[in-house]
């Protein structure tokens, strides 16, 4: 590797709000991950570390470099090899390791990879939670003298998560389809589905880092085949996991892709928690509905670091994101897509209703979600400029980005993505014809803000 490439990587903004992420061989490579691993060893100053990776084409090579970096700092490295983030979350949250490193870029396109860093209790180490200190060690290369560590093959630890999930299994007559998106979700969970023994159609269970079936991000467009199967086969519902299987997306019996706030409402209604954490991209009326159910709620910034830390701080029972990550006190405040599946399936079985039937009582408006590509170094400045402009005319919620509340059912959110060089936009309106009107307003605000930079 040339020095110029190495120096370029040092200056690249791969240290994101939640984790480390970048394009393989352009922004990150094996040497970068080796040095990050050594930086983590210095930061945590521990002995035992849990390591795993997703099924991306570059993941195993990057994992080897991470492991070597840890061994060179004298660590005991427990290698899970291929593992879902849900399983990694479960294992790291038990407190048996000093920290954890999981090589994954989650739902990002196949050319990306990344590194999720956890403390000994499974809390994400993002910016503001310690990642900035790891970045400083990385940039200054403040490593310890080389030592010799020990590598332990730990593939069998995944059985602990399977055993936990197996304890939640029950018989059901529900019919459903599961799309694994060629990610690592099929590890462990295929066996759980077999034990459930229900009528189930499986899609894309083979792990393939090229993601030949569709994008690893579960969207209405990428899940068109799953949606068609649910409708044509008259199934009760469908689900899809993203590339690293920490997100689960539900399709109702009518083929409608459900939002995270709808599923969190379902969980709140039947689990009856005392306190719930949700993030800024939830509609303004969600909090009002929880108040009517006598549930205390806390709104945070988008991202698992913020959700988990707030849940632990407040002792909340349940948490969720619009992107369909769900967190439970029973899973040590971790997001677990497999556990979420079993809880929702149990709700449907006990209620003898389908998702669409239950969610008729939780009305959602006309909804539009899209991204605006912007330079990574400008996206946060853009949001601040937009905030200055809209505060002159509208009621604004500033928890994360700019949420403009026009009425209880009319609102929009503009925020900088913490994983991609884009602005993320959400619009909801009680009237379909006003969606385009709000989009024009937002595009105008972005254009004006860009001209001021």
Foldseek 3Di string as FASTA:
>chain_A
DDPVQVVVLLPDPQQFQQFGKDFEPRNDYQVLLLLLLLLVCVQLVFAEEEEEEKQAPRTVVNSVSSVVSCQQQAHEYEYQYHAFVLLVLLVQQVLPGQKYKYKALWQDFRRMITIWIAGSRNFTQHVVNCSVSSSVCSSVVVGDGTDGYHYHHHNVSSVVVLVVLLVLADEFAFEEEEEALLMRPLVSVVVVVVVNVYHYHYHNSHRDSNSVQAGLQDDCVSCVVRLVCLAVVQGQKYWYAGRRRLFIWIQGSNSRTDWFLLLVVVCCVPVVWQEEEEEDVDAPCSCVVCVVSNHHYHYAHDDLNTQQVVCVVVVTAKYIYRSGFIAGVVSVRHTRNSVSVSVVSVSCRVVVHGSVVVSVVVDAADKDKDKAADAQVCQVQLLVQLQVVCVVPFDWDVNAGTWGDPDRFWIKGWHQDRSHRIIIIMTGDNDPVCVVVVVVVVVVSSVVSVVVD
